[in-house]
Amino acid sequence: MTGLGRLNGKVAIVTGAARGMGAAEAALFVDEGAFVVLTDVRDEEGNALAEALGDHAEYVHHDVGDEAR
């Protein structure tokens, strides 16, 4: 971890986290000490990112466009 630990003990939920800005934000949050819940519809990419981020991240399939959820 190279951040300042400004988010130690915090939990962040990042939607659209499998790639692009969501993935970059998730990595920054982890770097600052947060535990990050990654959500997306791209399961393969989301799981790969969670694995890359280690023990500070978990992937959950979630479609924010699905009004039934």
PDB file of N, CA and C in Angstrom:
ATOM      1  N   MET A   1       0.848  -1.173   0.000  1.00  0.00           N
ATOM      2  CA  MET A   1       0.000   0.000   0.000  1.00  0.00           C
ATOM      3  C   MET A   1       0.895   1.238   0.000  1.00  0.00           C
ATOM      4  N   THR A   2       0.628   2.146  -0.900  1.00  0.00           N
ATOM      5  CA  THR A   2       1.436   3.359  -0.995  1.00  0.00           C
ATOM      6  C   THR A   2       0.664   4.612  -0.610  1.00  0.00           C
ATOM      7  N   GLY A   3      -0.632   4.470  -0.378  1.00  0.00           N
ATOM      8  CA  GLY A   3      -1.448   5.625  -0.012  1.00  0.00           C
ATOM      9  C   GLY A   3      -1.199   6.059   1.422  1.00  0.00           C
ATOM     10  N   LEU A   4      -1.955   7.038   1.848  1.00  0.00           N
ATOM     11  CA  LEU A   4      -1.815   7.602   3.188  1.00  0.00           C
ATOM     12  C   LEU A   4      -2.723   6.932   4.216  1.00  0.00           C
ATOM     13  N   GLY A   5      -3.528   5.964   3.768  1.00  0.00           N
ATOM     14  CA  GLY A   5      -4.424   5.282   4.690  1.00  0.00           C
ATOM     15  C   GLY A   5      -5.634   6.105   5.077  1.00  0.00           C
ATOM     16  N   ARG A   6      -5.999   7.048   4.245  1.00  0.00           N
ATOM     17  CA  ARG A   6      -7.126   7.930   4.558  1.00  0.00           C
ATOM     18  C   ARG A   6      -8.461   7.199   4.628  1.00  0.00           C
ATOM     19  N   LEU A   7      -8.525   5.987   4.053  1.00  0.00           N
ATOM     20  CA  LEU A   7      -9.778   5.238   4.059  1.00  0.00           C
ATOM     21  C   LEU A   7      -9.691   3.970   4.902  1.00  0.00           C
ATOM     22  N   ASN A   8      -8.710   3.879   5.781  1.00  0.00           N
ATOM     23  CA  ASN A   8      -8.580   2.714   6.657  1.00  0.00           C
ATOM     24  C   ASN A   8      -9.872   2.495   7.428  1.00  0.00           C
ATOM     25  N   GLY A   9     -10.353   1.245   7.439  1.00  0.00           N
ATOM     26  CA  GLY A   9     -11.561   0.912   8.170  1.00  0.00           C
ATOM     27  C   GLY A   9     -12.849   1.265   7.458  1.00  0.00           C
ATOM     28  N   LYS A  10     -12.772   1.798   6.267  1.00  0.00           N
ATOM     29  CA  LYS A  10     -13.961   2.179   5.496  1.00  0.00           C
ATOM     30  C   LYS A  10     -14.273   1.107   4.458  1.00  0.00           C
ATOM     31  N   VAL A  11     -15.529   1.071   4.025  1.00  0.00           N
ATOM     32  CA  VAL A  11     -15.967   0.179   2.954  1.00  0.00           C
ATOM     33  C   VAL A  11     -16.473   1.041   1.811  1.00  0.00           C
ATOM     34  N   ALA A  12     -16.008   0.757   0.604  1.00  0.00           N
ATOM     35  CA  ALA A  12     -16.462   1.471  -0.591  1.00  0.00           C
ATOM     36  C   ALA A  12     -17.171   0.487  -1.508  1.00  0.00           C
ATOM     37  N   ILE A  13     -18.276   0.906  -2.093  1.00  0.00           N
ATOM     38  CA  ILE A  13     -18.987   0.113  -3.091  1.00  0.00           C
ATOM     39  C   ILE A  13     -18.812   0.828  -4.417  1.00  0.00           C
ATOM     40  N   VAL A  14     -18.227   0.126  -5.387  1.00  0.00           N
ATOM     41  CA  VAL A  14     -17.954   0.724  -6.691  1.00  0.00           C
ATOM     42  C   VAL A  14     -18.768  -0.015  -7.743  1.00  0.00           C
ATOM     43  N   THR A  15     -19.707   0.690  -8.387  1.00  0.00           N
ATOM     44  CA  THR A  15     -20.477   0.104  -9.478  1.00  0.00           C
ATOM     45  C   THR A  15     -19.710   0.304 -10.779  1.00  0.00           C
ATOM     46  N   GLY A  16     -19.903  -0.600 -11.720  1.00  0.00           N
ATOM     47  CA  GLY A  16     -19.170  -0.513 -12.981  1.00  0.00           C
ATOM     48  C   GLY A  16     -17.681  -0.680 -12.765  1.00  0.00           C
ATOM     49  N   ALA A  17     -17.330  -1.548 -11.826  1.00  0.00           N
ATOM     50  CA  ALA A  17     -15.941  -1.644 -11.370  1.00  0.00           C
ATOM     51  C   ALA A  17     -15.060  -2.574 -12.192  1.00  0.00           C
ATOM     52  N   ALA A  18     -15.609  -3.297 -13.142  1.00  0.00           N
ATOM     53  CA  ALA A  18     -14.818  -4.308 -13.841  1.00  0.00           C
ATOM     54  C   ALA A  18     -13.732  -3.726 -14.738  1.00  0.00           C
ATOM     55  N   ARG A  19     -13.930  -2.498 -15.191  1.00  0.00           N
ATOM     56  CA  ARG A  19     -12.915  -1.909 -16.072  1.00  0.00           C
ATOM     57  C   ARG A  19     -13.070  -0.389 -16.101  1.00  0.00           C
ATOM     58  N   GLY A  20     -12.147   0.256 -16.755  1.00  0.00           N
ATOM     59  CA  GLY A  20     -12.214   1.702 -16.939  1.00  0.00           C
ATOM     60  C   GLY A  20     -12.103   2.483 -15.643  1.00  0.00           C
ATOM     61  N   MET A  21     -12.900   3.548 -15.554  1.00  0.00           N
ATOM     62  CA  MET A  21     -12.843   4.433 -14.384  1.00  0.00           C
ATOM     63  C   MET A  21     -13.212   3.712 -13.096  1.00  0.00           C
ATOM     64  N   GLY A  22     -14.179   2.803 -13.169  1.00  0.00           N
ATOM     65  CA  GLY A  22     -14.566   2.060 -11.967  1.00  0.00           C
ATOM     66  C   GLY A  22     -13.419   1.240 -11.413  1.00  0.00           C
ATOM     67  N   ALA A  23     -12.686   0.572 -12.294  1.00  0.00           N
ATOM     68  CA  ALA A  23     -11.534  -0.229 -11.861  1.00  0.00           C
ATOM     69  C   ALA A  23     -10.439   0.663 -11.290  1.00  0.00           C
ATOM     70  N   ALA A  24     -10.217   1.807 -11.917  1.00  0.00           N
ATOM     71  CA  ALA A  24      -9.193   2.736 -11.433  1.00  0.00           C
ATOM     72  C   ALA A  24      -9.569   3.290 -10.060  1.00  0.00           C
ATOM     73  N   GLU A  25     -10.842   3.644  -9.879  1.00  0.00           N
ATOM     74  CA  GLU A  25     -11.294   4.156  -8.587  1.00  0.00           C
ATOM     75  C   GLU A  25     -11.160   3.089  -7.509  1.00  0.00           C
ATOM     76  N   ALA A  26     -11.547   1.859  -7.839  1.00  0.00           N
ATOM     77  CA  ALA A  26     -11.444   0.767  -6.871  1.00  0.00           C
ATOM     78  C   ALA A  26     -10.002   0.570  -6.423  1.00  0.00           C
ATOM     79  N   ALA A  27      -9.077   0.604  -7.364  1.00  0.00           N
ATOM     80  CA  ALA A  27      -7.659   0.436  -7.029  1.00  0.00           C
ATOM     81  C   ALA A  27      -7.170   1.569  -6.130  1.00  0.00           C
ATOM     82  N   LEU A  28      -7.610   2.791  -6.391  1.00  0.00           N
ATOM     83  CA  LEU A  28      -7.223   3.924  -5.542  1.00  0.00           C
ATOM     84  C   LEU A  28      -7.794   3.788  -4.131  1.00  0.00           C
ATOM     85  N   PHE A  29      -9.043   3.347  -4.032  1.00  0.00           N
ATOM     86  CA  PHE A  29      -9.656   3.160  -2.716  1.00  0.00           C
ATOM     87  C   PHE A  29      -8.903   2.106  -1.912  1.00  0.00           C
ATOM     88  N   VAL A  30      -8.552   0.994  -2.563  1.00  0.00           N
ATOM     89  CA  VAL A  30      -7.775  -0.051  -1.892  1.00  0.00           C
ATOM     90  C   VAL A  30      -6.422   0.504  -1.467  1.00  0.00           C
ATOM     91  N   ASP A  31      -5.801   1.268  -2.334  1.00  0.00           N
ATOM     92  CA  ASP A  31      -4.497   1.864  -2.029  1.00  0.00           C
ATOM     93  C   ASP A  31      -4.569   2.774  -0.800  1.00  0.00           C
ATOM     94  N   GLU A  32      -5.733   3.370  -0.579  1.00  0.00           N
ATOM     95  CA  GLU A  32      -5.917   4.248   0.581  1.00  0.00           C
ATOM     96  C   GLU A  32      -6.418   3.496   1.812  1.00  0.00           C
ATOM     97  N   GLY A  33      -6.553   2.165   1.703  1.00  0.00           N
ATOM     98  CA  GLY A  33      -6.878   1.356   2.868  1.00  0.00           C
ATOM     99  C   GLY A  33      -8.299   0.857   2.978  1.00  0.00           C
ATOM    100  N   ALA A  34      -9.167   1.182   2.035  1.00  0.00           N
ATOM    101  CA  ALA A  34     -10.566   0.749   2.106  1.00  0.00           C
ATOM    102  C   ALA A  34     -10.716  -0.705   1.678  1.00  0.00           C
ATOM    103  N   PHE A  35     -11.774  -1.349   2.184  1.00  0.00           N
ATOM    104  CA  PHE A  35     -12.226  -2.617   1.633  1.00  0.00           C
ATOM    105  C   PHE A  35     -13.228  -2.244   0.553  1.00  0.00           C
ATOM    106  N   VAL A  36     -13.090  -2.808  -0.643  1.00  0.00           N
ATOM    107  CA  VAL A  36     -13.922  -2.403  -1.773  1.00  0.00           C
ATOM    108  C   VAL A  36     -14.798  -3.554  -2.249  1.00  0.00           C
ATOM    109  N   VAL A  37     -16.092  -3.277  -2.362  1.00  0.00           N
ATOM    110  CA  VAL A  37     -17.027  -4.204  -2.978  1.00  0.00           C
ATOM    111  C   VAL A  37     -17.168  -3.759  -4.427  1.00  0.00           C
ATOM    112  N   LEU A  38     -16.718  -4.605  -5.334  1.00  0.00           N
ATOM    113  CA  LEU A  38     -16.763  -4.323  -6.769  1.00  0.00           C
ATOM    114  C   LEU A  38     -18.059  -4.888  -7.326  1.00  0.00           C
ATOM    115  N   THR A  39     -18.825  -4.090  -8.065  1.00  0.00           N
ATOM    116  CA  THR A  39     -20.037  -4.604  -8.695  1.00  0.00           C
ATOM    117  C   THR A  39     -20.008  -4.293 -10.182  1.00  0.00           C
ATOM    118  N   ASP A  40     -20.555  -5.222 -10.961  1.00  0.00           N
ATOM    119  CA  ASP A  40     -20.605  -5.063 -12.413  1.00  0.00           C
ATOM    120  C   ASP A  40     -21.409  -6.222 -12.976  1.00  0.00           C
ATOM    121  N   VAL A  41     -21.635  -6.206 -14.279  1.00  0.00           N
ATOM    122  CA  VAL A  41     -22.268  -7.327 -14.969  1.00  0.00           C
ATOM    123  C   VAL A  41     -21.229  -8.171 -15.695  1.00  0.00           C
ATOM    124  N   ARG A  42     -20.009  -7.706 -15.742  1.00  0.00           N
ATOM    125  CA  ARG A  42     -18.914  -8.424 -16.401  1.00  0.00           C
ATOM    126  C   ARG A  42     -18.189  -9.276 -15.360  1.00  0.00           C
ATOM    127  N   ASP A  43     -18.723 -10.478 -15.128  1.00  0.00           N
ATOM    128  CA  ASP A  43     -18.232 -11.323 -14.045  1.00  0.00           C
ATOM    129  C   ASP A  43     -16.764 -11.711 -14.180  1.00  0.00           C
ATOM    130  N   GLU A  44     -16.349 -12.091 -15.363  1.00  0.00           N
ATOM    131  CA  GLU A  44     -14.968 -12.535 -15.543  1.00  0.00           C
ATOM    132  C   GLU A  44     -13.985 -11.410 -15.204  1.00  0.00           C
ATOM    133  N   GLU A  45     -14.249 -10.230 -15.723  1.00  0.00           N
ATOM    134  CA  GLU A  45     -13.365  -9.090 -15.462  1.00  0.00           C
ATOM    135  C   GLU A  45     -13.449  -8.637 -14.004  1.00  0.00           C
ATOM    136  N   GLY A  46     -14.642  -8.658 -13.447  1.00  0.00           N
ATOM    137  CA  GLY A  46     -14.810  -8.257 -12.051  1.00  0.00           C
ATOM    138  C   GLY A  46     -14.087  -9.185 -11.090  1.00  0.00           C
ATOM    139  N   ASN A  47     -14.210 -10.484 -11.324  1.00  0.00           N
ATOM    140  CA  ASN A  47     -13.505 -11.454 -10.487  1.00  0.00           C
ATOM    141  C   ASN A  47     -11.999 -11.324 -10.631  1.00  0.00           C
ATOM    142  N   ALA A  48     -11.533 -11.069 -11.850  1.00  0.00           N
ATOM    143  CA  ALA A  48     -10.091 -10.903 -12.074  1.00  0.00           C
ATOM    144  C   ALA A  48      -9.567  -9.678 -11.329  1.00  0.00           C
ATOM    145  N   LEU A  49     -10.323  -8.594 -11.342  1.00  0.00           N
ATOM    146  CA  LEU A  49      -9.897  -7.393 -10.632  1.00  0.00           C
ATOM    147  C   LEU A  49      -9.877  -7.641  -9.129  1.00  0.00           C
ATOM    148  N   ALA A  50     -10.905  -8.299  -8.611  1.00  0.00           N
ATOM    149  CA  ALA A  50     -10.941  -8.597  -7.175  1.00  0.00           C
ATOM    150  C   ALA A  50      -9.734  -9.433  -6.771  1.00  0.00           C
ATOM    151  N   GLU A  51      -9.387 -10.394  -7.591  1.00  0.00           N
ATOM    152  CA  GLU A  51      -8.216 -11.228  -7.309  1.00  0.00           C
ATOM    153  C   GLU A  51      -6.941 -10.389  -7.334  1.00  0.00           C
ATOM    154  N   ALA A  52      -6.844  -9.490  -8.302  1.00  0.00           N
ATOM    155  CA  ALA A  52      -5.654  -8.642  -8.414  1.00  0.00           C
ATOM    156  C   ALA A  52      -5.525  -7.680  -7.233  1.00  0.00           C
ATOM    157  N   LEU A  53      -6.655  -7.230  -6.689  1.00  0.00           N
ATOM    158  CA  LEU A  53      -6.628  -6.293  -5.569  1.00  0.00           C
ATOM    159  C   LEU A  53      -6.410  -6.991  -4.231  1.00  0.00           C
ATOM    160  N   GLY A  54      -6.534  -8.304  -4.216  1.00  0.00           N
ATOM    161  CA  GLY A  54      -6.218  -9.075  -3.013  1.00  0.00           C
ATOM    162  C   GLY A  54      -7.327  -9.098  -1.977  1.00  0.00           C
ATOM    163  N   ASP A  55      -6.903  -9.203  -0.724  1.00  0.00           N
ATOM    164  CA  ASP A  55      -7.837  -9.376   0.390  1.00  0.00           C
ATOM    165  C   ASP A  55      -8.687  -8.146   0.690  1.00  0.00           C
ATOM    166  N   HIS A  56      -8.430  -7.065   0.008  1.00  0.00           N
ATOM    167  CA  HIS A  56      -9.158  -5.824   0.286  1.00  0.00           C
ATOM    168  C   HIS A  56     -10.301  -5.575  -0.697  1.00  0.00           C
ATOM    169  N   ALA A  57     -10.661  -6.609  -1.481  1.00  0.00           N
ATOM    170  CA  ALA A  57     -11.730  -6.426  -2.469  1.00  0.00           C
ATOM    171  C   ALA A  57     -12.510  -7.718  -2.663  1.00  0.00           C
ATOM    172  N   GLU A  58     -13.779  -7.553  -3.004  1.00  0.00           N
ATOM    173  CA  GLU A  58     -14.645  -8.685  -3.320  1.00  0.00           C
ATOM    174  C   GLU A  58     -15.562  -8.275  -4.466  1.00  0.00           C
ATOM    175  N   TYR A  59     -15.771  -9.192  -5.404  1.00  0.00           N
ATOM    176  CA  TYR A  59     -16.649  -8.918  -6.542  1.00  0.00           C
ATOM    177  C   TYR A  59     -18.032  -9.499  -6.293  1.00  0.00           C
ATOM    178  N   VAL A  60     -19.074  -8.727  -6.636  1.00  0.00           N
ATOM    179  CA  VAL A  60     -20.462  -9.170  -6.557  1.00  0.00           C
ATOM    180  C   VAL A  60     -21.147  -8.788  -7.863  1.00  0.00           C
ATOM    181  N   HIS A  61     -21.769  -9.774  -8.532  1.00  0.00           N
ATOM    182  CA  HIS A  61     -22.516  -9.477  -9.756  1.00  0.00           C
ATOM    183  C   HIS A  61     -23.714  -8.600  -9.390  1.00  0.00           C
ATOM    184  N   HIS A  62     -23.858  -7.478 -10.092  1.00  0.00           N
ATOM    185  CA  HIS A  62     -25.004  -6.596  -9.852  1.00  0.00           C
ATOM    186  C   HIS A  62     -25.227  -5.726 -11.082  1.00  0.00           C
ATOM    187  N   ASP A  63     -26.469  -5.670 -11.522  1.00  0.00           N
ATOM    188  CA  ASP A  63     -26.857  -4.859 -12.672  1.00  0.00           C
ATOM    189  C   ASP A  63     -27.655  -3.660 -12.165  1.00  0.00           C
ATOM    190  N   VAL A  64     -27.042  -2.486 -12.131  1.00  0.00           N
ATOM    191  CA  VAL A  64     -27.734  -1.300 -11.616  1.00  0.00           C
ATOM    192  C   VAL A  64     -28.872  -0.864 -12.528  1.00  0.00           C
ATOM    193  N   GLY A  65     -28.905  -1.368 -13.747  1.00  0.00           N
ATOM    194  CA  GLY A  65     -29.978  -1.032 -14.672  1.00  0.00           C
ATOM    195  C   GLY A  65     -31.201  -1.916 -14.515  1.00  0.00           C
ATOM    196  N   ASP A  66     -31.119  -2.945 -13.657  1.00  0.00           N
ATOM    197  CA  ASP A  66     -32.219  -3.870 -13.436  1.00  0.00           C
ATOM    198  C   ASP A  66     -33.095  -3.327 -12.310  1.00  0.00           C
ATOM    199  N   GLU A  67     -34.239  -2.754 -12.659  1.00  0.00           N
ATOM    200  CA  GLU A  67     -35.114  -2.126 -11.669  1.00  0.00           C
ATOM    201  C   GLU A  67     -35.683  -3.116 -10.664  1.00  0.00           C
ATOM    202  N   ALA A  68     -35.707  -4.399 -11.007  1.00  0.00           N
ATOM    203  CA  ALA A  68     -36.250  -5.408 -10.103  1.00  0.00           C
ATOM    204  C   ALA A  68     -35.328  -5.652  -8.913  1.00  0.00           C
ATOM    205  N   ARG A  69     -34.102  -5.215  -9.002  1.00  0.00           N
ATOM    206  CA  ARG A  69     -33.146  -5.445  -7.905  1.00  0.00           C
ATOM    207  C   ARG A  69     -33.026  -4.193  -7.164  1.00  0.00           C
TER     208      ARG A  69
END
